[in-house]
Each structure stands twice: as C-alpha cells, then as structure tokens.
Amino acid sequence: MKSAFFCSQAAEWASDRINVNAIAPTFIKTPLTEPMFEDPAFKEEVLNRIPLGRLAKP
C-alpha cells in the first residue's frame, strides 16, 4: 500500500539521489493473532492488503 507522504518525499528527494523507504505496521504471526486467522474471511481480507500475501513472523 502506497502512502502519499512517502511517494511525495521520494519524488522530492530523488534529484539528490536519496531513497525513501517505509515500513508499515501489519499483523505478526503469534499465538495471540492465530485465533483471528481461523476466520477465513478475516484472513483473506488481511492477506489481500499485504503485497507479499503473507504475515510477518517474529
């Protein structure tokens, strides 16, 4: 998911050869989140919003 803020920063600083990277919060696969992902509809919705289509691992 792109953020307008980071896209505008990347465009502004590109002429100075500065890269802009961003890390957005997401779900981490833990014992606490596992019960939420037992619901197929919830799991599909979350995974569809993640470009790699997988949860982060600790």
PDB file of N, CA and C in Angstrom:
ATOM      1  N   MET A   1       0.852  -1.169   0.000  1.00  0.00           N
ATOM      2  CA  MET A   1       0.000   0.000   0.000  1.00  0.00           C
ATOM      3  C   MET A   1       0.901   1.236   0.000  1.00  0.00           C
ATOM      4  N   LYS A   2       0.663   2.108  -0.940  1.00  0.00           N
ATOM      5  CA  LYS A   2       1.477   3.316  -1.042  1.00  0.00           C
ATOM      6  C   LYS A   2       0.900   4.424  -0.175  1.00  0.00           C
ATOM      7  N   SER A   3       1.779   5.215   0.391  1.00  0.00           N
ATOM      8  CA  SER A   3       1.381   6.377   1.164  1.00  0.00           C
ATOM      9  C   SER A   3       1.749   7.621   0.354  1.00  0.00           C
ATOM     10  N   ALA A   4       0.834   8.539   0.260  1.00  0.00           N
ATOM     11  CA  ALA A   4       1.096   9.776  -0.484  1.00  0.00           C
ATOM     12  C   ALA A   4       2.289  10.518   0.114  1.00  0.00           C
ATOM     13  N   PHE A   5       2.423  10.477   1.423  1.00  0.00           N
ATOM     14  CA  PHE A   5       3.544  11.154   2.066  1.00  0.00           C
ATOM     15  C   PHE A   5       4.873  10.615   1.565  1.00  0.00           C
ATOM     16  N   PHE A   6       5.021   9.291   1.584  1.00  0.00           N
ATOM     17  CA  PHE A   6       6.293   8.699   1.184  1.00  0.00           C
ATOM     18  C   PHE A   6       6.537   8.839  -0.311  1.00  0.00           C
ATOM     19  N   CYS A   7       5.478   8.776  -1.109  1.00  0.00           N
ATOM     20  CA  CYS A   7       5.638   8.987  -2.555  1.00  0.00           C
ATOM     21  C   CYS A   7       6.105  10.410  -2.842  1.00  0.00           C
ATOM     22  N   SER A   8       5.531  11.378  -2.137  1.00  0.00           N
ATOM     23  CA  SER A   8       5.940  12.766  -2.372  1.00  0.00           C
ATOM     24  C   SER A   8       7.371  13.003  -1.891  1.00  0.00           C
ATOM     25  N   GLN A   9       7.753  12.365  -0.788  1.00  0.00           N
ATOM     26  CA  GLN A   9       9.134  12.506  -0.311  1.00  0.00           C
ATOM     27  C   GLN A   9      10.106  11.892  -1.305  1.00  0.00           C
ATOM     28  N   ALA A  10       9.753  10.730  -1.845  1.00  0.00           N
ATOM     29  CA  ALA A  10      10.624  10.081  -2.822  1.00  0.00           C
ATOM     30  C   ALA A  10      10.795  10.959  -4.058  1.00  0.00           C
ATOM     31  N   ALA A  11       9.708  11.556  -4.521  1.00  0.00           N
ATOM     32  CA  ALA A  11       9.786  12.421  -5.696  1.00  0.00           C
ATOM     33  C   ALA A  11      10.627  13.666  -5.409  1.00  0.00           C
ATOM     34  N   GLU A  12      10.456  14.235  -4.219  1.00  0.00           N
ATOM     35  CA  GLU A  12      11.179  15.454  -3.864  1.00  0.00           C
ATOM     36  C   GLU A  12      12.677  15.217  -3.724  1.00  0.00           C
ATOM     37  N   TRP A  13      13.056  14.092  -3.137  1.00  0.00           N
ATOM     38  CA  TRP A  13      14.465  13.838  -2.835  1.00  0.00           C
ATOM     39  C   TRP A  13      15.191  13.038  -3.908  1.00  0.00           C
ATOM     40  N   ALA A  14      14.485  12.582  -4.941  1.00  0.00           N
ATOM     41  CA  ALA A  14      15.120  11.772  -5.992  1.00  0.00           C
ATOM     42  C   ALA A  14      16.252  12.529  -6.681  1.00  0.00           C
ATOM     43  N   SER A  15      16.083  13.820  -6.883  1.00  0.00           N
ATOM     44  CA  SER A  15      17.128  14.594  -7.569  1.00  0.00           C
ATOM     45  C   SER A  15      18.424  14.649  -6.757  1.00  0.00           C
ATOM     46  N   ASP A  16      18.328  14.428  -5.443  1.00  0.00           N
ATOM     47  CA  ASP A  16      19.515  14.383  -4.579  1.00  0.00           C
ATOM     48  C   ASP A  16      20.018  12.954  -4.389  1.00  0.00           C
ATOM     49  N   ARG A  17      19.430  12.020  -5.158  1.00  0.00           N
ATOM     50  CA  ARG A  17      19.797  10.598  -5.096  1.00  0.00           C
ATOM     51  C   ARG A  17      19.575  10.003  -3.710  1.00  0.00           C
ATOM     52  N   ILE A  18      18.502  10.433  -3.065  1.00  0.00           N
ATOM     53  CA  ILE A  18      18.131   9.915  -1.751  1.00  0.00           C
ATOM     54  C   ILE A  18      16.934   8.991  -1.935  1.00  0.00           C
ATOM     55  N   ASN A  19      17.069   7.760  -1.443  1.00  0.00           N
ATOM     56  CA  ASN A  19      15.968   6.798  -1.492  1.00  0.00           C
ATOM     57  C   ASN A  19      15.066   6.983  -0.280  1.00  0.00           C
ATOM     58  N   VAL A  20      13.788   6.768  -0.480  1.00  0.00           N
ATOM     59  CA  VAL A  20      12.820   6.831   0.610  1.00  0.00           C
ATOM     60  C   VAL A  20      12.192   5.450   0.757  1.00  0.00           C
ATOM     61  N   ASN A  21      12.292   4.891   1.952  1.00  0.00           N
ATOM     62  CA  ASN A  21      11.698   3.590   2.242  1.00  0.00           C
ATOM     63  C   ASN A  21      10.743   3.745   3.413  1.00  0.00           C
ATOM     64  N   ALA A  22       9.735   2.892   3.439  1.00  0.00           N
ATOM     65  CA  ALA A  22       8.771   2.938   4.537  1.00  0.00           C
ATOM     66  C   ALA A  22       8.393   1.522   4.944  1.00  0.00           C
ATOM     67  N   ILE A  23       8.178   1.346   6.210  1.00  0.00           N
ATOM     68  CA  ILE A  23       7.687   0.079   6.741  1.00  0.00           C
ATOM     69  C   ILE A  23       6.378   0.377   7.446  1.00  0.00           C
ATOM     70  N   ALA A  24       5.334  -0.301   7.010  1.00  0.00           N
ATOM     71  CA  ALA A  24       4.017  -0.078   7.602  1.00  0.00           C
ATOM     72  C   ALA A  24       3.688  -1.215   8.577  1.00  0.00           C
ATOM     73  N   PRO A  25       3.009  -0.904   9.642  1.00  0.00           N
ATOM     74  CA  PRO A  25       2.644  -1.959  10.593  1.00  0.00           C
ATOM     75  C   PRO A  25       1.685  -2.958   9.955  1.00  0.00           C
ATOM     76  N   THR A  26       1.803  -4.181  10.383  1.00  0.00           N
ATOM     77  CA  THR A  26       0.922  -5.246   9.897  1.00  0.00           C
ATOM     78  C   THR A  26       0.774  -6.299  10.993  1.00  0.00           C
ATOM     79  N   PHE A  27       0.085  -7.349  10.677  1.00  0.00           N
ATOM     80  CA  PHE A  27      -0.067  -8.440  11.630  1.00  0.00           C
ATOM     81  C   PHE A  27       1.212  -9.267  11.684  1.00  0.00           C
ATOM     82  N   ILE A  28       1.542  -9.732  12.859  1.00  0.00           N
ATOM     83  CA  ILE A  28       2.653 -10.642  13.084  1.00  0.00           C
ATOM     84  C   ILE A  28       2.046 -11.974  13.501  1.00  0.00           C
ATOM     85  N   LYS A  29       2.562 -13.065  12.930  1.00  0.00           N
ATOM     86  CA  LYS A  29       2.035 -14.383  13.285  1.00  0.00           C
ATOM     87  C   LYS A  29       2.546 -14.769  14.672  1.00  0.00           C
ATOM     88  N   THR A  30       1.644 -14.727  15.642  1.00  0.00           N
ATOM     89  CA  THR A  30       1.963 -15.081  17.022  1.00  0.00           C
ATOM     90  C   THR A  30       0.811 -15.904  17.578  1.00  0.00           C
ATOM     91  N   PRO A  31       0.991 -16.525  18.730  1.00  0.00           N
ATOM     92  CA  PRO A  31      -0.121 -17.249  19.348  1.00  0.00           C
ATOM     93  C   PRO A  31      -1.328 -16.341  19.630  1.00  0.00           C
ATOM     94  N   LEU A  32      -1.073 -15.062  19.855  1.00  0.00           N
ATOM     95  CA  LEU A  32      -2.169 -14.130  20.127  1.00  0.00           C
ATOM     96  C   LEU A  32      -3.011 -13.852  18.880  1.00  0.00           C
ATOM     97  N   THR A  33      -2.385 -13.799  17.707  1.00  0.00           N
ATOM     98  CA  THR A  33      -3.129 -13.483  16.484  1.00  0.00           C
ATOM     99  C   THR A  33      -3.658 -14.722  15.761  1.00  0.00           C
ATOM    100  N   GLU A  34      -3.151 -15.901  16.078  1.00  0.00           N
ATOM    101  CA  GLU A  34      -3.592 -17.116  15.389  1.00  0.00           C
ATOM    102  C   GLU A  34      -5.102 -17.332  15.433  1.00  0.00           C
ATOM    103  N   PRO A  35      -5.780 -17.126  16.565  1.00  0.00           N
ATOM    104  CA  PRO A  35      -7.237 -17.327  16.573  1.00  0.00           C
ATOM    105  C   PRO A  35      -7.981 -16.411  15.592  1.00  0.00           C
ATOM    106  N   MET A  36      -7.495 -15.210  15.371  1.00  0.00           N
ATOM    107  CA  MET A  36      -8.153 -14.301  14.426  1.00  0.00           C
ATOM    108  C   MET A  36      -8.099 -14.854  13.006  1.00  0.00           C
ATOM    109  N   PHE A  37      -7.015 -15.535  12.678  1.00  0.00           N
ATOM    110  CA  PHE A  37      -6.839 -16.031  11.320  1.00  0.00           C
ATOM    111  C   PHE A  37      -7.508 -17.376  11.087  1.00  0.00           C
ATOM    112  N   GLU A  38      -8.213 -17.888  12.072  1.00  0.00           N
ATOM    113  CA  GLU A  38      -9.042 -19.076  11.871  1.00  0.00           C
ATOM    114  C   GLU A  38     -10.319 -18.715  11.114  1.00  0.00           C
ATOM    115  N   ASP A  39     -10.678 -17.438  11.092  1.00  0.00           N
ATOM    116  CA  ASP A  39     -11.828 -16.959  10.322  1.00  0.00           C
ATOM    117  C   ASP A  39     -11.347 -16.726   8.882  1.00  0.00           C
ATOM    118  N   PRO A  40     -11.802 -17.564   7.923  1.00  0.00           N
ATOM    119  CA  PRO A  40     -11.307 -17.450   6.541  1.00  0.00           C
ATOM    120  C   PRO A  40     -11.558 -16.080   5.902  1.00  0.00           C
ATOM    121  N   ALA A  41     -12.685 -15.461   6.189  1.00  0.00           N
ATOM    122  CA  ALA A  41     -12.991 -14.149   5.601  1.00  0.00           C
ATOM    123  C   ALA A  41     -12.021 -13.090   6.117  1.00  0.00           C
ATOM    124  N   PHE A  42     -11.752 -13.103   7.413  1.00  0.00           N
ATOM    125  CA  PHE A  42     -10.813 -12.153   8.004  1.00  0.00           C
ATOM    126  C   PHE A  42      -9.415 -12.367   7.432  1.00  0.00           C
ATOM    127  N   LYS A  43      -9.002 -13.627   7.374  1.00  0.00           N
ATOM    128  CA  LYS A  43      -7.669 -13.948   6.859  1.00  0.00           C
ATOM    129  C   LYS A  43      -7.520 -13.474   5.417  1.00  0.00           C
ATOM    130  N   GLU A  44      -8.514 -13.730   4.588  1.00  0.00           N
ATOM    131  CA  GLU A  44      -8.455 -13.315   3.193  1.00  0.00           C
ATOM    132  C   GLU A  44      -8.377 -11.796   3.066  1.00  0.00           C
ATOM    133  N   GLU A  45      -9.178 -11.091   3.867  1.00  0.00           N
ATOM    134  CA  GLU A  45      -9.162  -9.628   3.804  1.00  0.00           C
ATOM    135  C   GLU A  45      -7.787  -9.068   4.171  1.00  0.00           C
ATOM    136  N   VAL A  46      -7.215  -9.579   5.233  1.00  0.00           N
ATOM    137  CA  VAL A  46      -5.906  -9.093   5.682  1.00  0.00           C
ATOM    138  C   VAL A  46      -4.828  -9.427   4.660  1.00  0.00           C
ATOM    139  N   LEU A  47      -4.783 -10.666   4.205  1.00  0.00           N
ATOM    140  CA  LEU A  47      -3.731 -11.084   3.282  1.00  0.00           C
ATOM    141  C   LEU A  47      -3.833 -10.380   1.935  1.00  0.00           C
ATOM    142  N   ASN A  48      -5.030 -10.007   1.530  1.00  0.00           N
ATOM    143  CA  ASN A  48      -5.195  -9.274   0.273  1.00  0.00           C
ATOM    144  C   ASN A  48      -4.632  -7.855   0.345  1.00  0.00           C
ATOM    145  N   ARG A  49      -4.484  -7.324   1.556  1.00  0.00           N
ATOM    146  CA  ARG A  49      -3.929  -5.972   1.720  1.00  0.00           C
ATOM    147  C   ARG A  49      -2.419  -5.978   1.842  1.00  0.00           C
ATOM    148  N   ILE A  50      -1.816  -7.160   1.938  1.00  0.00           N
ATOM    149  CA  ILE A  50      -0.367  -7.280   2.109  1.00  0.00           C
ATOM    150  C   ILE A  50       0.229  -7.680   0.757  1.00  0.00           C
ATOM    151  N   PRO A  51       1.094  -6.856   0.180  1.00  0.00           N
ATOM    152  CA  PRO A  51       1.633  -7.157  -1.153  1.00  0.00           C
ATOM    153  C   PRO A  51       2.261  -8.555  -1.282  1.00  0.00           C
ATOM    154  N   LEU A  52       2.965  -9.013  -0.272  1.00  0.00           N
ATOM    155  CA  LEU A  52       3.574 -10.348  -0.354  1.00  0.00           C
ATOM    156  C   LEU A  52       2.568 -11.462  -0.054  1.00  0.00           C
ATOM    157  N   GLY A  53       1.395 -11.102   0.446  1.00  0.00           N
ATOM    158  CA  GLY A  53       0.355 -12.088   0.700  1.00  0.00           C
ATOM    159  C   GLY A  53       0.650 -13.033   1.838  1.00  0.00           C
ATOM    160  N   ARG A  54       1.434 -12.582   2.812  1.00  0.00           N
ATOM    161  CA  ARG A  54       1.746 -13.421   3.966  1.00  0.00           C
ATOM    162  C   ARG A  54       1.933 -12.566   5.200  1.00  0.00           C
ATOM    163  N   LEU A  55       1.818 -13.200   6.356  1.00  0.00           N
ATOM    164  CA  LEU A  55       2.013 -12.493   7.620  1.00  0.00           C
ATOM    165  C   LEU A  55       3.495 -12.398   7.948  1.00  0.00           C
ATOM    166  N   ALA A  56       3.841 -11.405   8.726  1.00  0.00           N
ATOM    167  CA  ALA A  56       5.209 -11.283   9.223  1.00  0.00           C
ATOM    168  C   ALA A  56       5.413 -12.313  10.321  1.00  0.00           C
ATOM    169  N   LYS A  57       6.648 -12.752  10.473  1.00  0.00           N
ATOM    170  CA  LYS A  57       6.993 -13.718  11.534  1.00  0.00           C
ATOM    171  C   LYS A  57       7.957 -13.044  12.496  1.00  0.00           C
ATOM    172  N   PRO A  58       7.803 -13.346  13.794  1.00  0.00           N
ATOM    173  CA  PRO A  58       8.721 -12.728  14.763  1.00  0.00           C
ATOM    174  C   PRO A  58      10.147 -13.213  14.601  1.00  0.00           C
TER     175      PRO A  58
END
